[in-house]
Amino acid sequence: MVIFQFILWLIALVTLILVVSIVLVSWKNGISPMPASSHVRQVVIQEVNRIPGYGNVIEAGSGWGTLALDVVRSCPGKRLTGIENSLVPLWSSQLLAFVNVRIRQTRGSRNSLEGRLRFIRGDIYSRSYEHADCVICYLFPGAMNLLVDKFIRELPAGARVISVCFALPGKVPLRTITCRDALCTKVYVYAF
């Protein structure tokens, strides 16, 4: 009985530490990790598929990894690196990617995710974007303000930025798509 109570207390303590970690990093970032709706994910996938051939996609602030996973599943030939600075969502996305790679391997799927999807801990403001063919952002206005000059300096000619909800200040999008979700979310697509 004592061991069972100890295990319960330990689980409660670990859960509390994980929640506090998410809250503190969310407070520091100015936003918490938010999953995208299925409508938004479909629009992002369509836009990534407009990029011809193979490509390197970076998701700046990849959160729980669900958007990245859907993009890689639905965009053959694209490699995606998710950058996240919050440990709990990062570990969750790494586990999600690992499980999905193994499931596809056991099923003999032709569209393998192995080598095409990875999640790394990093700072989206100091990370280099010079080899990105596309950057996906689901951030907040302050982050977009900080990233616009970095994108102008670092992105190669022809690269795309796909931003969910928030526009890049001072840039005119190629197109703005209004999703059919409950919030009528806007997705902005930019060419550099």
N, C-alpha and C. Protein backbone atom coordinates (compact mmCIF):
# COMPACT_ATOMS: atom_id res chain seq x y z
N MET A 1 0.81 -1.19 0.00
CA MET A 1 0.00 0.00 0.00
C MET A 1 0.86 1.26 0.00
N VAL A 2 1.95 1.26 0.77
CA VAL A 2 2.85 2.41 0.85
C VAL A 2 3.52 2.65 -0.50
N ILE A 3 3.91 1.59 -1.17
CA ILE A 3 4.55 1.72 -2.48
C ILE A 3 3.57 2.32 -3.48
N PHE A 4 2.32 1.88 -3.45
CA PHE A 4 1.30 2.42 -4.34
C PHE A 4 1.11 3.92 -4.10
N GLN A 5 1.04 4.33 -2.84
CA GLN A 5 0.89 5.76 -2.52
C GLN A 5 2.11 6.54 -2.97
N PHE A 6 3.29 5.98 -2.78
CA PHE A 6 4.52 6.64 -3.24
C PHE A 6 4.49 6.84 -4.74
N ILE A 7 4.08 5.81 -5.48
CA ILE A 7 4.00 5.90 -6.94
C ILE A 7 3.00 6.97 -7.35
N LEU A 8 1.85 7.03 -6.69
CA LEU A 8 0.85 8.06 -7.00
C LEU A 8 1.41 9.46 -6.74
N TRP A 9 2.08 9.65 -5.62
CA TRP A 9 2.70 10.95 -5.31
C TRP A 9 3.77 11.30 -6.34
N LEU A 10 4.54 10.32 -6.73
CA LEU A 10 5.59 10.54 -7.73
C LEU A 10 4.98 10.95 -9.07
N ILE A 11 3.93 10.27 -9.48
CA ILE A 11 3.23 10.63 -10.73
C ILE A 11 2.68 12.03 -10.64
N ALA A 12 2.07 12.36 -9.50
CA ALA A 12 1.52 13.72 -9.31
C ALA A 12 2.62 14.77 -9.36
N LEU A 13 3.75 14.49 -8.75
CA LEU A 13 4.87 15.43 -8.74
C LEU A 13 5.43 15.63 -10.15
N VAL A 14 5.63 14.55 -10.88
CA VAL A 14 6.13 14.64 -12.26
C VAL A 14 5.15 15.42 -13.13
N THR A 15 3.86 15.15 -12.98
CA THR A 15 2.84 15.86 -13.74
C THR A 15 2.88 17.35 -13.42
N LEU A 16 2.98 17.69 -12.16
CA LEU A 16 3.07 19.10 -11.76
C LEU A 16 4.29 19.77 -12.36
N ILE A 17 5.43 19.11 -12.32
CA ILE A 17 6.66 19.67 -12.90
C ILE A 17 6.50 19.88 -14.40
N LEU A 18 5.90 18.93 -15.09
CA LEU A 18 5.69 19.07 -16.54
C LEU A 18 4.75 20.23 -16.86
N VAL A 19 3.67 20.36 -16.11
CA VAL A 19 2.71 21.46 -16.33
C VAL A 19 3.38 22.80 -16.05
N VAL A 20 4.12 22.89 -14.96
CA VAL A 20 4.82 24.14 -14.64
C VAL A 20 5.82 24.48 -15.73
N SER A 21 6.51 23.48 -16.25
CA SER A 21 7.46 23.70 -17.34
C SER A 21 6.76 24.30 -18.56
N ILE A 22 5.63 23.73 -18.95
CA ILE A 22 4.88 24.25 -20.10
C ILE A 22 4.43 25.69 -19.83
N VAL A 23 3.92 25.95 -18.64
CA VAL A 23 3.44 27.30 -18.30
C VAL A 23 4.58 28.31 -18.34
N LEU A 24 5.72 27.97 -17.75
CA LEU A 24 6.84 28.91 -17.72
C LEU A 24 7.38 29.22 -19.12
N VAL A 25 7.54 28.19 -19.94
CA VAL A 25 8.03 28.42 -21.29
C VAL A 25 6.99 29.18 -22.12
N SER A 26 5.71 28.87 -21.92
CA SER A 26 4.64 29.61 -22.62
C SER A 26 4.66 31.08 -22.23
N TRP A 27 4.87 31.34 -20.96
CA TRP A 27 4.94 32.73 -20.48
C TRP A 27 6.13 33.44 -21.11
N LYS A 28 7.28 32.76 -21.15
CA LYS A 28 8.49 33.34 -21.75
C LYS A 28 8.30 33.59 -23.25
N ASN A 29 7.68 32.62 -23.93
CA ASN A 29 7.47 32.73 -25.38
C ASN A 29 6.39 33.73 -25.76
N GLY A 30 5.43 33.94 -24.86
CA GLY A 30 4.31 34.81 -25.19
C GLY A 30 3.15 34.06 -25.80
N ILE A 31 3.27 32.76 -25.92
CA ILE A 31 2.22 31.93 -26.51
C ILE A 31 2.44 30.49 -26.07
N SER A 32 1.33 29.75 -25.95
CA SER A 32 1.45 28.33 -25.61
C SER A 32 1.35 27.51 -26.89
N PRO A 33 1.86 26.28 -26.87
CA PRO A 33 1.74 25.43 -28.07
C PRO A 33 0.27 25.14 -28.37
N MET A 34 -0.14 25.44 -29.59
CA MET A 34 -1.54 25.27 -29.99
C MET A 34 -1.63 24.36 -31.20
N PRO A 35 -2.43 23.32 -31.14
CA PRO A 35 -2.61 22.49 -32.33
C PRO A 35 -3.47 23.22 -33.38
N ALA A 36 -3.15 23.00 -34.64
CA ALA A 36 -3.91 23.60 -35.74
C ALA A 36 -5.12 22.73 -36.03
N SER A 37 -6.20 23.36 -36.45
CA SER A 37 -7.41 22.61 -36.81
C SER A 37 -7.15 21.79 -38.08
N SER A 38 -8.00 20.83 -38.34
CA SER A 38 -7.82 19.99 -39.53
C SER A 38 -7.94 20.82 -40.81
N HIS A 39 -8.80 21.83 -40.80
CA HIS A 39 -8.94 22.70 -41.99
C HIS A 39 -7.64 23.45 -42.25
N VAL A 40 -7.05 23.99 -41.20
CA VAL A 40 -5.79 24.73 -41.33
C VAL A 40 -4.69 23.79 -41.81
N ARG A 41 -4.62 22.59 -41.24
CA ARG A 41 -3.59 21.63 -41.65
C ARG A 41 -3.72 21.31 -43.14
N GLN A 42 -4.95 21.15 -43.63
CA GLN A 42 -5.15 20.84 -45.04
C GLN A 42 -4.68 21.98 -45.94
N VAL A 43 -4.95 23.21 -45.55
CA VAL A 43 -4.51 24.37 -46.34
C VAL A 43 -2.98 24.44 -46.35
N VAL A 44 -2.35 24.24 -45.20
CA VAL A 44 -0.89 24.26 -45.14
C VAL A 44 -0.31 23.16 -46.02
N ILE A 45 -0.88 21.98 -45.96
CA ILE A 45 -0.42 20.86 -46.80
C ILE A 45 -0.53 21.22 -48.28
N GLN A 46 -1.65 21.80 -48.69
CA GLN A 46 -1.82 22.20 -50.10
C GLN A 46 -0.74 23.20 -50.52
N GLU A 47 -0.43 24.14 -49.63
CA GLU A 47 0.57 25.15 -49.96
C GLU A 47 1.98 24.55 -50.02
N VAL A 48 2.30 23.64 -49.12
CA VAL A 48 3.61 22.98 -49.17
C VAL A 48 3.71 22.14 -50.44
N ASN A 49 2.63 21.50 -50.85
CA ASN A 49 2.65 20.70 -52.08
C ASN A 49 2.77 21.54 -53.34
N ARG A 50 2.53 22.83 -53.25
CA ARG A 50 2.74 23.72 -54.41
C ARG A 50 4.22 23.94 -54.70
N ILE A 51 5.07 23.67 -53.72
CA ILE A 51 6.52 23.83 -53.89
C ILE A 51 7.01 22.63 -54.69
N PRO A 52 7.59 22.88 -55.85
CA PRO A 52 7.96 21.76 -56.72
C PRO A 52 9.13 20.95 -56.17
N GLY A 53 9.11 19.66 -56.48
CA GLY A 53 10.23 18.78 -56.18
C GLY A 53 10.44 18.54 -54.70
N TYR A 54 11.67 18.16 -54.41
CA TYR A 54 12.04 17.90 -53.02
C TYR A 54 12.25 19.23 -52.32
N GLY A 55 12.17 19.22 -51.01
CA GLY A 55 12.37 20.48 -50.32
C GLY A 55 12.59 20.31 -48.84
N ASN A 56 13.27 21.29 -48.28
CA ASN A 56 13.49 21.35 -46.84
C ASN A 56 12.49 22.32 -46.24
N VAL A 57 11.69 21.81 -45.34
CA VAL A 57 10.67 22.61 -44.67
C VAL A 57 11.07 22.74 -43.20
N ILE A 58 10.95 23.93 -42.66
CA ILE A 58 11.18 24.15 -41.23
C ILE A 58 9.88 24.64 -40.63
N GLU A 59 9.48 24.04 -39.53
CA GLU A 59 8.36 24.58 -38.78
C GLU A 59 8.94 25.31 -37.57
N ALA A 60 8.81 26.62 -37.58
CA ALA A 60 9.33 27.46 -36.49
C ALA A 60 8.31 27.45 -35.36
N GLY A 61 8.66 26.80 -34.28
CA GLY A 61 7.73 26.64 -33.16
C GLY A 61 6.79 25.49 -33.45
N SER A 62 7.32 24.26 -33.42
CA SER A 62 6.55 23.10 -33.86
C SER A 62 5.60 22.53 -32.82
N GLY A 63 5.64 23.04 -31.60
CA GLY A 63 4.69 22.62 -30.58
C GLY A 63 4.62 21.11 -30.40
N TRP A 64 3.41 20.57 -30.47
CA TRP A 64 3.17 19.14 -30.23
C TRP A 64 3.49 18.27 -31.43
N GLY A 65 3.80 18.87 -32.59
CA GLY A 65 4.24 18.10 -33.75
C GLY A 65 3.16 17.60 -34.68
N THR A 66 1.91 17.88 -34.39
CA THR A 66 0.83 17.33 -35.22
C THR A 66 0.79 17.93 -36.62
N LEU A 67 1.03 19.23 -36.75
CA LEU A 67 1.03 19.86 -38.07
C LEU A 67 2.20 19.31 -38.89
N ALA A 68 3.38 19.24 -38.30
CA ALA A 68 4.55 18.73 -39.01
C ALA A 68 4.33 17.29 -39.49
N LEU A 69 3.79 16.48 -38.63
CA LEU A 69 3.54 15.08 -38.99
C LEU A 69 2.58 14.98 -40.17
N ASP A 70 1.50 15.75 -40.15
CA ASP A 70 0.55 15.73 -41.26
C ASP A 70 1.18 16.23 -42.56
N VAL A 71 2.02 17.26 -42.46
CA VAL A 71 2.68 17.79 -43.66
C VAL A 71 3.58 16.73 -44.27
N VAL A 72 4.41 16.09 -43.47
CA VAL A 72 5.34 15.08 -44.01
C VAL A 72 4.59 13.88 -44.57
N ARG A 73 3.52 13.46 -43.90
CA ARG A 73 2.72 12.33 -44.41
C ARG A 73 2.14 12.64 -45.78
N SER A 74 1.74 13.90 -45.98
CA SER A 74 0.97 14.27 -47.17
C SER A 74 1.80 14.96 -48.26
N CYS A 75 3.07 15.17 -48.02
CA CYS A 75 3.92 15.88 -48.99
C CYS A 75 5.14 15.03 -49.33
N PRO A 76 5.00 14.10 -50.26
CA PRO A 76 6.11 13.23 -50.62
C PRO A 76 7.33 14.04 -51.07
N GLY A 77 8.48 13.61 -50.63
CA GLY A 77 9.71 14.28 -51.05
C GLY A 77 10.12 15.45 -50.18
N LYS A 78 9.27 15.87 -49.29
CA LYS A 78 9.61 17.00 -48.41
C LYS A 78 10.20 16.44 -47.11
N ARG A 79 11.23 17.13 -46.63
CA ARG A 79 11.84 16.83 -45.33
C ARG A 79 11.48 17.98 -44.40
N LEU A 80 11.08 17.66 -43.19
CA LEU A 80 10.63 18.70 -42.26
C LEU A 80 11.40 18.62 -40.95
N THR A 81 11.88 19.78 -40.51
CA THR A 81 12.51 19.92 -39.21
C THR A 81 11.64 20.84 -38.38
N GLY A 82 11.17 20.34 -37.25
CA GLY A 82 10.41 21.16 -36.32
C GLY A 82 11.34 21.69 -35.25
N ILE A 83 11.26 22.98 -35.00
CA ILE A 83 12.09 23.62 -33.97
C ILE A 83 11.17 24.03 -32.83
N GLU A 84 11.49 23.57 -31.63
CA GLU A 84 10.66 23.87 -30.46
C GLU A 84 11.59 24.09 -29.26
N ASN A 85 11.24 25.06 -28.40
CA ASN A 85 12.07 25.31 -27.23
C ASN A 85 11.45 24.82 -25.93
N SER A 86 10.22 24.38 -25.96
CA SER A 86 9.55 23.87 -24.77
C SER A 86 9.72 22.35 -24.73
N LEU A 87 10.32 21.85 -23.64
CA LEU A 87 10.70 20.44 -23.59
C LEU A 87 9.53 19.46 -23.66
N VAL A 88 8.45 19.73 -22.97
CA VAL A 88 7.35 18.75 -22.94
C VAL A 88 6.73 18.58 -24.33
N PRO A 89 6.35 19.66 -25.03
CA PRO A 89 5.85 19.46 -26.40
C PRO A 89 6.91 18.85 -27.32
N LEU A 90 8.18 19.23 -27.13
CA LEU A 90 9.24 18.66 -27.95
C LEU A 90 9.33 17.15 -27.76
N TRP A 91 9.36 16.70 -26.51
CA TRP A 91 9.42 15.26 -26.25
C TRP A 91 8.19 14.55 -26.81
N SER A 92 7.05 15.18 -26.67
CA SER A 92 5.82 14.61 -27.20
C SER A 92 5.91 14.45 -28.72
N SER A 93 6.39 15.49 -29.41
CA SER A 93 6.49 15.42 -30.87
C SER A 93 7.55 14.40 -31.30
N GLN A 94 8.66 14.31 -30.56
CA GLN A 94 9.68 13.31 -30.90
C GLN A 94 9.12 11.90 -30.74
N LEU A 95 8.34 11.67 -29.68
CA LEU A 95 7.71 10.37 -29.48
C LEU A 95 6.69 10.09 -30.59
N LEU A 96 5.90 11.08 -30.94
CA LEU A 96 4.92 10.95 -32.02
C LEU A 96 5.61 10.57 -33.33
N ALA A 97 6.71 11.23 -33.64
CA ALA A 97 7.45 10.92 -34.87
C ALA A 97 8.02 9.51 -34.82
N PHE A 98 8.62 9.14 -33.70
CA PHE A 98 9.21 7.80 -33.56
C PHE A 98 8.15 6.72 -33.76
N VAL A 99 7.01 6.87 -33.09
CA VAL A 99 5.94 5.88 -33.19
C VAL A 99 5.42 5.80 -34.63
N ASN A 100 5.23 6.93 -35.28
CA ASN A 100 4.71 6.91 -36.65
C ASN A 100 5.70 6.30 -37.62
N VAL A 101 6.99 6.54 -37.44
CA VAL A 101 8.00 5.90 -38.30
C VAL A 101 7.94 4.40 -38.13
N ARG A 102 7.86 3.92 -36.90
CA ARG A 102 7.83 2.48 -36.64
C ARG A 102 6.55 1.84 -37.17
N ILE A 103 5.42 2.50 -37.01
CA ILE A 103 4.16 1.96 -37.52
C ILE A 103 4.22 1.82 -39.03
N ARG A 104 4.72 2.83 -39.72
CA ARG A 104 4.81 2.77 -41.17
C ARG A 104 5.79 1.68 -41.62
N GLN A 105 6.87 1.49 -40.86
CA GLN A 105 7.82 0.43 -41.20
C GLN A 105 7.18 -0.94 -41.07
N THR A 106 6.43 -1.18 -40.01
CA THR A 106 5.82 -2.50 -39.81
C THR A 106 4.72 -2.76 -40.83
N ARG A 107 4.10 -1.72 -41.30
CA ARG A 107 3.05 -1.88 -42.32
C ARG A 107 3.62 -1.93 -43.73
N GLY A 108 4.91 -1.67 -43.86
CA GLY A 108 5.54 -1.68 -45.18
C GLY A 108 5.11 -0.52 -46.05
N SER A 109 4.83 0.62 -45.46
CA SER A 109 4.38 1.79 -46.21
C SER A 109 5.46 2.27 -47.17
N ARG A 110 5.06 2.59 -48.38
CA ARG A 110 6.01 3.11 -49.37
C ARG A 110 6.42 4.53 -49.06
N ASN A 111 5.56 5.29 -48.40
CA ASN A 111 5.85 6.69 -48.09
C ASN A 111 6.45 6.76 -46.68
N SER A 112 7.67 6.30 -46.54
CA SER A 112 8.33 6.25 -45.23
C SER A 112 8.60 7.65 -44.71
N LEU A 113 8.48 7.78 -43.40
CA LEU A 113 8.79 9.05 -42.75
C LEU A 113 10.24 9.09 -42.26
N GLU A 114 10.89 7.94 -42.26
CA GLU A 114 12.25 7.86 -41.72
C GLU A 114 13.18 8.79 -42.50
N GLY A 115 13.90 9.61 -41.77
CA GLY A 115 14.82 10.56 -42.39
C GLY A 115 14.15 11.80 -42.94
N ARG A 116 12.84 11.86 -42.86
CA ARG A 116 12.12 13.01 -43.42
C ARG A 116 11.50 13.90 -42.36
N LEU A 117 11.49 13.46 -41.11
CA LEU A 117 10.85 14.23 -40.04
C LEU A 117 11.71 14.17 -38.79
N ARG A 118 12.04 15.33 -38.28
CA ARG A 118 12.77 15.38 -37.02
C ARG A 118 12.34 16.62 -36.25
N PHE A 119 12.44 16.52 -34.96
CA PHE A 119 12.12 17.63 -34.07
C PHE A 119 13.35 17.91 -33.22
N ILE A 120 13.75 19.17 -33.17
CA ILE A 120 14.94 19.54 -32.41
C ILE A 120 14.60 20.67 -31.45
N ARG A 121 15.36 20.71 -30.37
CA ARG A 121 15.21 21.82 -29.44
C ARG A 121 16.03 22.97 -29.98
N GLY A 122 15.42 24.15 -30.01
CA GLY A 122 16.14 25.29 -30.53
C GLY A 122 15.37 26.58 -30.36
N ASP A 123 16.05 27.65 -30.69
CA ASP A 123 15.51 29.00 -30.62
C ASP A 123 15.20 29.45 -32.05
N ILE A 124 13.95 29.70 -32.35
CA ILE A 124 13.56 30.06 -33.71
C ILE A 124 14.14 31.40 -34.15
N TYR A 125 14.58 32.22 -33.20
CA TYR A 125 15.13 33.53 -33.54
C TYR A 125 16.63 33.48 -33.85
N SER A 126 17.32 32.43 -33.41
CA SER A 126 18.75 32.33 -33.70
C SER A 126 19.06 31.23 -34.71
N ARG A 127 18.12 30.37 -34.97
CA ARG A 127 18.31 29.27 -35.92
C ARG A 127 18.46 29.81 -37.33
N SER A 128 19.28 29.19 -38.15
CA SER A 128 19.46 29.62 -39.53
C SER A 128 18.33 29.07 -40.41
N TYR A 129 17.89 29.89 -41.34
CA TYR A 129 16.86 29.49 -42.31
C TYR A 129 17.42 29.47 -43.74
N GLU A 130 18.75 29.53 -43.87
CA GLU A 130 19.35 29.69 -45.19
C GLU A 130 19.18 28.49 -46.11
N HIS A 131 18.85 27.32 -45.58
CA HIS A 131 18.65 26.14 -46.43
C HIS A 131 17.18 25.72 -46.52
N ALA A 132 16.31 26.58 -46.06
CA ALA A 132 14.88 26.25 -46.06
C ALA A 132 14.24 26.63 -47.39
N ASP A 133 13.49 25.70 -47.94
CA ASP A 133 12.66 26.01 -49.11
C ASP A 133 11.31 26.56 -48.67
N CYS A 134 10.96 26.26 -47.42
CA CYS A 134 9.68 26.70 -46.88
C CYS A 134 9.79 26.77 -45.36
N VAL A 135 9.17 27.79 -44.78
CA VAL A 135 9.07 27.90 -43.32
C VAL A 135 7.59 27.99 -42.98
N ILE A 136 7.17 27.17 -42.04
CA ILE A 136 5.79 27.20 -41.55
C ILE A 136 5.81 27.84 -40.17
N CYS A 137 4.92 28.79 -39.96
CA CYS A 137 4.83 29.49 -38.67
C CYS A 137 3.39 29.48 -38.18
N TYR A 138 3.20 29.14 -36.92
CA TYR A 138 1.91 29.33 -36.25
C TYR A 138 2.30 29.97 -34.93
N LEU A 139 2.61 31.25 -34.99
CA LEU A 139 3.21 31.95 -33.87
C LEU A 139 2.29 33.04 -33.34
N PHE A 140 2.78 34.24 -33.16
CA PHE A 140 2.01 35.37 -32.66
C PHE A 140 2.65 36.63 -33.23
N PRO A 141 1.97 37.77 -33.19
CA PRO A 141 2.49 38.98 -33.86
C PRO A 141 3.90 39.38 -33.44
N GLY A 142 4.23 39.28 -32.16
CA GLY A 142 5.58 39.64 -31.71
C GLY A 142 6.65 38.79 -32.36
N ALA A 143 6.38 37.51 -32.49
CA ALA A 143 7.34 36.61 -33.13
C ALA A 143 7.49 36.95 -34.61
N MET A 144 6.39 37.25 -35.26
CA MET A 144 6.45 37.58 -36.68
C MET A 144 7.26 38.86 -36.89
N ASN A 145 7.12 39.83 -35.97
CA ASN A 145 7.92 41.05 -36.05
C ASN A 145 9.41 40.75 -35.95
N LEU A 146 9.75 39.81 -35.07
CA LEU A 146 11.16 39.46 -34.88
C LEU A 146 11.72 38.63 -36.03
N LEU A 147 10.87 37.86 -36.69
CA LEU A 147 11.35 36.95 -37.73
C LEU A 147 11.39 37.56 -39.13
N VAL A 148 10.62 38.58 -39.41
CA VAL A 148 10.52 39.07 -40.78
C VAL A 148 11.88 39.50 -41.34
N ASP A 149 12.67 40.25 -40.57
CA ASP A 149 13.99 40.68 -41.07
C ASP A 149 14.93 39.49 -41.23
N LYS A 150 14.84 38.53 -40.32
CA LYS A 150 15.66 37.32 -40.41
C LYS A 150 15.32 36.55 -41.69
N PHE A 151 14.05 36.43 -41.99
CA PHE A 151 13.64 35.75 -43.22
C PHE A 151 14.17 36.49 -44.45
N ILE A 152 14.07 37.82 -44.45
CA ILE A 152 14.55 38.61 -45.59
C ILE A 152 16.04 38.38 -45.80
N ARG A 153 16.80 38.34 -44.71
CA ARG A 153 18.26 38.16 -44.80
C ARG A 153 18.66 36.73 -45.18
N GLU A 154 17.96 35.74 -44.66
CA GLU A 154 18.46 34.37 -44.73
C GLU A 154 17.79 33.45 -45.74
N LEU A 155 16.53 33.66 -46.02
CA LEU A 155 15.84 32.71 -46.91
C LEU A 155 16.36 32.82 -48.34
N PRO A 156 16.58 31.68 -49.00
CA PRO A 156 17.03 31.73 -50.39
C PRO A 156 15.91 32.22 -51.31
N ALA A 157 16.31 32.71 -52.47
CA ALA A 157 15.33 33.19 -53.45
C ALA A 157 14.35 32.07 -53.79
N GLY A 158 13.08 32.41 -53.81
CA GLY A 158 12.04 31.45 -54.14
C GLY A 158 11.45 30.73 -52.94
N ALA A 159 12.06 30.89 -51.76
CA ALA A 159 11.54 30.22 -50.56
C ALA A 159 10.16 30.77 -50.21
N ARG A 160 9.38 29.96 -49.54
CA ARG A 160 8.03 30.34 -49.11
C ARG A 160 7.98 30.39 -47.59
N VAL A 161 7.14 31.29 -47.09
CA VAL A 161 6.77 31.31 -45.68
C VAL A 161 5.26 31.15 -45.64
N ILE A 162 4.81 30.15 -44.90
CA ILE A 162 3.38 29.90 -44.71
C ILE A 162 3.08 30.21 -43.25
N SER A 163 2.30 31.25 -43.03
CA SER A 163 2.03 31.70 -41.66
C SER A 163 0.55 31.55 -41.34
N VAL A 164 0.28 30.85 -40.24
CA VAL A 164 -1.09 30.64 -39.79
C VAL A 164 -1.46 31.78 -38.84
N CYS A 165 -2.54 32.45 -39.11
CA CYS A 165 -3.15 33.49 -38.28
C CYS A 165 -2.52 34.87 -38.40
N PHE A 166 -1.20 34.96 -38.44
CA PHE A 166 -0.57 36.27 -38.33
C PHE A 166 0.29 36.59 -39.54
N ALA A 167 0.10 37.79 -40.07
CA ALA A 167 0.83 38.25 -41.25
C ALA A 167 2.24 38.68 -40.87
N LEU A 168 3.12 38.65 -41.87
CA LEU A 168 4.46 39.20 -41.70
C LEU A 168 4.39 40.70 -41.93
N PRO A 169 4.78 41.51 -40.96
CA PRO A 169 4.67 42.96 -41.12
C PRO A 169 5.55 43.47 -42.27
N GLY A 170 4.96 44.34 -43.08
CA GLY A 170 5.69 44.95 -44.18
C GLY A 170 5.83 44.09 -45.41
N LYS A 171 5.28 42.90 -45.41
CA LYS A 171 5.36 42.01 -46.56
C LYS A 171 3.96 41.79 -47.14
N VAL A 172 3.88 41.76 -48.45
CA VAL A 172 2.61 41.51 -49.12
C VAL A 172 2.55 40.02 -49.47
N PRO A 173 1.53 39.32 -49.01
CA PRO A 173 1.46 37.88 -49.30
C PRO A 173 1.14 37.60 -50.77
N LEU A 174 1.61 36.46 -51.25
CA LEU A 174 1.22 35.97 -52.57
C LEU A 174 -0.28 35.70 -52.58
N ARG A 175 -0.73 35.10 -51.49
CA ARG A 175 -2.15 34.81 -51.33
C ARG A 175 -2.47 34.69 -49.85
N THR A 176 -3.73 34.96 -49.56
CA THR A 176 -4.26 34.79 -48.22
C THR A 176 -5.46 33.87 -48.35
N ILE A 177 -5.42 32.78 -47.61
CA ILE A 177 -6.49 31.79 -47.67
C ILE A 177 -7.27 31.85 -46.37
N THR A 178 -8.59 31.95 -46.47
CA THR A 178 -9.43 31.90 -45.29
C THR A 178 -9.96 30.48 -45.16
N CYS A 179 -9.61 29.84 -44.06
CA CYS A 179 -9.99 28.44 -43.84
C CYS A 179 -11.47 28.34 -43.47
N ARG A 180 -12.02 27.14 -43.64
CA ARG A 180 -13.42 26.90 -43.32
C ARG A 180 -13.58 26.31 -41.92
N ASP A 181 -12.73 26.75 -41.01
CA ASP A 181 -12.88 26.29 -39.63
C ASP A 181 -13.76 27.27 -38.86
N ALA A 182 -14.03 26.99 -37.62
CA ALA A 182 -14.94 27.81 -36.81
C ALA A 182 -14.44 29.24 -36.64
N LEU A 183 -13.12 29.44 -36.69
CA LEU A 183 -12.55 30.78 -36.49
C LEU A 183 -12.26 31.51 -37.80
N CYS A 184 -12.54 30.87 -38.92
CA CYS A 184 -12.20 31.44 -40.24
C CYS A 184 -10.73 31.87 -40.25
N THR A 185 -9.87 30.96 -39.82
CA THR A 185 -8.44 31.23 -39.71
C THR A 185 -7.85 31.61 -41.05
N LYS A 186 -6.99 32.61 -41.04
CA LYS A 186 -6.29 33.02 -42.25
C LYS A 186 -4.91 32.37 -42.31
N VAL A 187 -4.54 31.95 -43.51
CA VAL A 187 -3.20 31.42 -43.76
C VAL A 187 -2.59 32.32 -44.82
N TYR A 188 -1.43 32.89 -44.47
CA TYR A 188 -0.73 33.82 -45.36
C TYR A 188 0.45 33.09 -46.01
N VAL A 189 0.60 33.25 -47.33
CA VAL A 189 1.69 32.62 -48.06
C VAL A 189 2.55 33.72 -48.68
N TYR A 190 3.85 33.68 -48.37
CA TYR A 190 4.79 34.70 -48.86
C TYR A 190 5.87 34.05 -49.69
N ALA A 191 6.36 34.79 -50.69
CA ALA A 191 7.51 34.35 -51.49
C ALA A 191 8.68 35.28 -51.19
N PHE A 192 9.85 34.71 -51.07
CA PHE A 192 11.07 35.50 -50.81
C PHE A 192 12.02 35.41 -51.95
